[in-house]
């Protein structure tokens, strides 16, 4: 038996098995009563809306952070030269 013949037999068995399973499923579904055929799930979440109270005073924290946004690569090297960032490996400028 060569590989082509083996692949043909394997695909024939595969299609026969799944064809039988699909036919069996169709035959079983036609015998079910009408109320059991459609299973419909519905979920209802009952929650009250929450109103958020905005803060009137901005919160200021004591920290040495100047910016919380991202920086470009050039700015990163400048910060490394100024020793504003902590790094563990030497960086070639």
N, C-alpha and C. Protein backbone atom coordinates (compact mmCIF):
# COMPACT_ATOMS: atom_id res chain seq x y z
N UNK A 1 0.86 -1.18 0.00
CA UNK A 1 0.00 0.00 0.00
C UNK A 1 0.90 1.23 0.00
N UNK A 2 0.73 2.11 -0.99
CA UNK A 2 1.52 3.33 -1.04
C UNK A 2 0.77 4.46 -0.33
N UNK A 3 1.42 5.64 -0.26
CA UNK A 3 0.87 6.76 0.51
C UNK A 3 -0.39 7.33 -0.13
N UNK A 4 -0.47 7.32 -1.44
CA UNK A 4 -1.66 7.86 -2.10
C UNK A 4 -2.87 6.99 -1.82
N UNK A 5 -2.68 5.68 -1.89
CA UNK A 5 -3.79 4.77 -1.60
C UNK A 5 -4.21 4.88 -0.13
N UNK A 6 -3.23 5.02 0.77
CA UNK A 6 -3.54 5.19 2.20
C UNK A 6 -4.33 6.47 2.43
N UNK A 7 -3.91 7.57 1.80
CA UNK A 7 -4.61 8.85 1.95
C UNK A 7 -6.03 8.76 1.40
N UNK A 8 -6.23 8.05 0.28
CA UNK A 8 -7.57 7.90 -0.27
C UNK A 8 -8.47 7.09 0.67
N UNK A 9 -7.94 6.01 1.23
CA UNK A 9 -8.73 5.21 2.18
C UNK A 9 -9.06 6.03 3.43
N UNK A 10 -8.08 6.76 3.92
CA UNK A 10 -8.31 7.55 5.12
C UNK A 10 -9.35 8.64 4.89
N UNK A 11 -9.29 9.32 3.74
CA UNK A 11 -10.28 10.34 3.45
C UNK A 11 -11.66 9.74 3.22
N UNK A 12 -11.73 8.56 2.63
CA UNK A 12 -13.03 7.90 2.43
C UNK A 12 -13.65 7.53 3.77
N UNK A 13 -12.85 7.00 4.68
CA UNK A 13 -13.36 6.65 6.01
C UNK A 13 -13.80 7.91 6.74
N UNK A 14 -13.02 8.97 6.63
CA UNK A 14 -13.34 10.24 7.27
C UNK A 14 -14.69 10.77 6.78
N UNK A 15 -14.87 10.87 5.46
CA UNK A 15 -16.12 11.38 4.91
C UNK A 15 -17.30 10.47 5.22
N UNK A 16 -17.10 9.16 5.22
CA UNK A 16 -18.18 8.23 5.55
C UNK A 16 -18.62 8.41 7.00
N UNK A 17 -17.65 8.53 7.90
CA UNK A 17 -17.99 8.69 9.32
C UNK A 17 -18.76 9.98 9.56
N UNK A 18 -18.20 11.12 9.08
CA UNK A 18 -18.86 12.39 9.33
C UNK A 18 -20.16 12.52 8.54
N UNK A 19 -20.27 11.91 7.39
CA UNK A 19 -21.54 11.91 6.66
C UNK A 19 -22.61 11.15 7.44
N UNK A 20 -22.21 10.03 8.04
CA UNK A 20 -23.15 9.26 8.87
C UNK A 20 -23.59 10.06 10.08
N UNK A 21 -22.67 10.75 10.73
CA UNK A 21 -23.01 11.55 11.92
C UNK A 21 -23.95 12.68 11.55
N UNK A 22 -23.72 13.35 10.44
CA UNK A 22 -24.59 14.45 10.01
C UNK A 22 -25.98 13.94 9.66
N UNK A 23 -26.05 12.83 8.93
CA UNK A 23 -27.36 12.24 8.61
C UNK A 23 -28.10 11.82 9.86
N UNK A 24 -27.40 11.22 10.80
CA UNK A 24 -28.02 10.79 12.05
C UNK A 24 -28.57 11.99 12.81
N UNK A 25 -27.86 13.10 12.80
CA UNK A 25 -28.31 14.31 13.48
C UNK A 25 -29.57 14.86 12.82
N UNK A 26 -29.62 14.88 11.49
CA UNK A 26 -30.82 15.34 10.80
C UNK A 26 -32.02 14.44 11.07
N UNK A 27 -31.80 13.14 11.10
CA UNK A 27 -32.91 12.21 11.38
C UNK A 27 -33.41 12.38 12.81
N UNK A 28 -32.51 12.59 13.75
CA UNK A 28 -32.91 12.78 15.15
C UNK A 28 -33.65 14.08 15.34
N UNK A 29 -33.24 15.15 14.66
CA UNK A 29 -33.89 16.45 14.85
C UNK A 29 -35.30 16.47 14.27
N UNK A 30 -35.58 15.65 13.26
CA UNK A 30 -36.93 15.64 12.69
C UNK A 30 -37.92 14.90 13.60
N UNK A 31 -37.44 14.05 14.49
CA UNK A 31 -38.32 13.29 15.39
C UNK A 31 -38.65 14.05 16.66
N UNK A 32 -37.94 15.13 16.97
CA UNK A 32 -38.19 15.89 18.20
C UNK A 32 -39.49 16.67 18.09
N UNK A 33 -40.21 16.85 19.20
CA UNK A 33 -41.39 17.71 19.19
C UNK A 33 -41.01 19.15 18.88
N UNK A 34 -42.00 19.93 18.44
CA UNK A 34 -41.74 21.29 17.99
C UNK A 34 -41.21 22.20 19.10
N UNK A 35 -41.66 22.04 20.34
CA UNK A 35 -41.21 22.92 21.41
C UNK A 35 -39.78 22.62 21.86
N UNK A 36 -39.27 21.44 21.59
CA UNK A 36 -37.91 21.10 21.97
C UNK A 36 -36.90 21.45 20.88
N UNK A 37 -37.36 21.79 19.69
CA UNK A 37 -36.43 22.08 18.59
C UNK A 37 -35.70 23.39 18.78
N UNK A 38 -36.39 24.40 19.25
CA UNK A 38 -35.74 25.70 19.38
C UNK A 38 -35.42 25.96 20.84
N UNK A 39 -34.16 26.02 21.13
CA UNK A 39 -33.70 26.37 22.47
C UNK A 39 -33.20 27.80 22.40
N UNK A 40 -33.90 28.67 23.09
CA UNK A 40 -33.52 30.07 23.06
C UNK A 40 -33.16 30.51 24.46
N UNK A 41 -31.96 31.04 24.61
CA UNK A 41 -31.51 31.56 25.88
C UNK A 41 -31.60 33.07 25.86
N UNK A 42 -32.08 33.63 26.93
CA UNK A 42 -32.10 35.09 27.03
C UNK A 42 -31.65 35.46 28.43
N UNK A 43 -30.78 36.44 28.49
CA UNK A 43 -30.24 36.91 29.76
C UNK A 43 -30.64 38.36 29.93
N UNK A 44 -31.09 38.68 31.10
CA UNK A 44 -31.51 40.03 31.38
C UNK A 44 -30.82 40.50 32.64
N UNK A 45 -30.04 41.54 32.52
CA UNK A 45 -29.33 42.07 33.68
C UNK A 45 -30.11 43.27 34.20
N UNK A 46 -30.48 43.19 35.43
CA UNK A 46 -31.26 44.26 36.04
C UNK A 46 -30.33 45.07 36.93
N UNK A 47 -29.96 46.26 36.46
CA UNK A 47 -29.07 47.11 37.25
C UNK A 47 -29.52 48.56 37.11
N UNK A 48 -29.27 49.29 38.15
CA UNK A 48 -29.61 50.70 38.18
C UNK A 48 -28.43 51.52 37.67
N UNK A 49 -28.66 52.57 36.91
CA UNK A 49 -27.55 53.42 36.46
C UNK A 49 -26.93 54.16 37.64
N UNK A 50 -25.64 54.32 37.59
CA UNK A 50 -24.91 54.99 38.67
C UNK A 50 -24.43 56.33 38.17
N UNK A 51 -24.68 57.35 38.94
CA UNK A 51 -24.23 58.69 38.56
C UNK A 51 -22.90 58.96 39.24
N UNK A 52 -21.91 59.33 38.44
CA UNK A 52 -20.58 59.59 38.96
C UNK A 52 -20.45 61.07 39.32
N UNK A 53 -19.91 61.32 40.49
CA UNK A 53 -19.73 62.69 40.95
C UNK A 53 -18.33 63.13 40.54
N UNK A 54 -18.21 64.16 39.70
CA UNK A 54 -16.88 64.59 39.28
C UNK A 54 -16.12 65.27 40.41
N UNK A 55 -14.81 65.09 40.43
CA UNK A 55 -13.97 65.76 41.42
C UNK A 55 -13.82 67.22 41.04
N UNK A 56 -14.02 68.10 42.02
CA UNK A 56 -13.89 69.52 41.74
C UNK A 56 -12.44 69.99 41.87
N UNK A 57 -11.66 69.33 42.72
CA UNK A 57 -10.27 69.72 42.90
C UNK A 57 -9.35 68.70 42.22
N UNK A 58 -8.42 69.17 41.43
CA UNK A 58 -7.47 68.21 40.85
C UNK A 58 -6.53 67.71 41.94
N UNK A 59 -6.22 66.44 41.89
CA UNK A 59 -5.33 65.86 42.90
C UNK A 59 -3.89 66.02 42.44
N UNK A 60 -3.08 66.60 43.29
CA UNK A 60 -1.67 66.80 43.00
C UNK A 60 -0.87 65.90 43.92
N UNK A 61 -0.04 65.09 43.32
CA UNK A 61 0.78 64.15 44.09
C UNK A 61 2.20 64.69 44.18
N UNK A 62 2.84 64.42 45.28
CA UNK A 62 4.24 64.81 45.45
C UNK A 62 5.12 63.74 44.82
N UNK A 63 5.66 64.04 43.66
CA UNK A 63 6.57 63.11 43.00
C UNK A 63 7.50 63.90 42.09
N UNK A 64 8.55 63.24 41.68
CA UNK A 64 9.52 63.90 40.82
C UNK A 64 9.26 63.59 39.35
N UNK A 65 8.12 63.04 39.03
CA UNK A 65 7.79 62.72 37.64
C UNK A 65 7.38 64.00 36.93
N UNK A 66 8.06 64.28 35.82
CA UNK A 66 7.74 65.48 35.06
C UNK A 66 6.67 65.22 34.02
N UNK A 67 6.66 64.02 33.47
CA UNK A 67 5.71 63.69 32.42
C UNK A 67 5.35 62.22 32.54
N UNK A 68 4.11 61.89 32.24
CA UNK A 68 3.70 60.49 32.29
C UNK A 68 3.50 59.91 30.90
N UNK A 69 3.78 60.69 29.86
CA UNK A 69 3.59 60.22 28.49
C UNK A 69 4.84 59.55 27.96
N UNK A 70 4.76 59.06 26.74
CA UNK A 70 5.90 58.42 26.11
C UNK A 70 6.89 59.45 25.58
N UNK A 71 8.11 59.02 25.36
CA UNK A 71 9.14 59.89 24.82
C UNK A 71 9.71 59.24 23.58
N UNK A 72 10.28 60.08 22.72
CA UNK A 72 10.91 59.54 21.52
C UNK A 72 12.27 58.95 21.88
N UNK A 73 12.87 58.27 20.94
CA UNK A 73 14.16 57.64 21.19
C UNK A 73 15.24 58.68 21.46
N UNK A 74 15.20 59.80 20.74
CA UNK A 74 16.17 60.87 20.96
C UNK A 74 16.02 61.46 22.35
N UNK A 75 14.78 61.68 22.77
CA UNK A 75 14.53 62.20 24.12
C UNK A 75 14.96 61.19 25.18
N UNK A 76 14.82 59.92 24.89
CA UNK A 76 15.24 58.89 25.83
C UNK A 76 16.75 58.93 26.05
N UNK A 77 17.51 59.09 24.95
CA UNK A 77 18.96 59.20 25.09
C UNK A 77 19.36 60.47 25.83
N UNK A 78 18.64 61.57 25.59
CA UNK A 78 18.92 62.80 26.33
C UNK A 78 18.63 62.62 27.82
N UNK A 79 17.56 61.96 28.15
CA UNK A 79 17.25 61.70 29.56
C UNK A 79 18.30 60.79 30.18
N UNK A 80 18.82 59.84 29.41
CA UNK A 80 19.86 58.96 29.94
C UNK A 80 21.14 59.74 30.19
N UNK A 81 21.49 60.67 29.31
CA UNK A 81 22.68 61.52 29.53
C UNK A 81 22.53 62.37 30.78
N UNK A 82 21.34 62.89 31.00
CA UNK A 82 21.08 63.73 32.18
C UNK A 82 20.89 62.91 33.44
N UNK A 83 20.95 61.60 33.29
CA UNK A 83 20.73 60.65 34.39
C UNK A 83 19.36 60.83 35.02
N UNK A 84 18.37 61.13 34.18
CA UNK A 84 16.99 61.27 34.65
C UNK A 84 16.26 59.93 34.65
N UNK A 85 16.80 58.96 33.90
CA UNK A 85 16.23 57.62 33.90
C UNK A 85 17.28 56.66 34.41
N UNK A 86 16.84 55.58 34.97
CA UNK A 86 17.76 54.59 35.50
C UNK A 86 17.87 53.45 34.49
N UNK A 87 19.06 53.14 34.11
CA UNK A 87 19.29 52.05 33.18
C UNK A 87 20.41 51.19 33.73
N UNK A 88 20.47 49.91 33.30
CA UNK A 88 21.44 48.99 33.87
C UNK A 88 22.54 48.62 32.90
N UNK A 89 22.38 48.86 31.65
CA UNK A 89 23.41 48.56 30.66
C UNK A 89 23.94 49.86 30.06
N UNK A 90 25.20 49.87 29.65
CA UNK A 90 25.69 51.10 29.00
C UNK A 90 25.04 51.27 27.63
N UNK A 91 24.73 52.49 27.31
CA UNK A 91 24.08 52.83 26.04
C UNK A 91 25.08 53.59 25.20
N UNK A 92 25.26 53.20 23.95
CA UNK A 92 26.16 53.94 23.07
C UNK A 92 25.40 55.10 22.47
N UNK A 93 25.96 56.29 22.58
CA UNK A 93 25.29 57.49 22.09
C UNK A 93 25.64 57.69 20.67
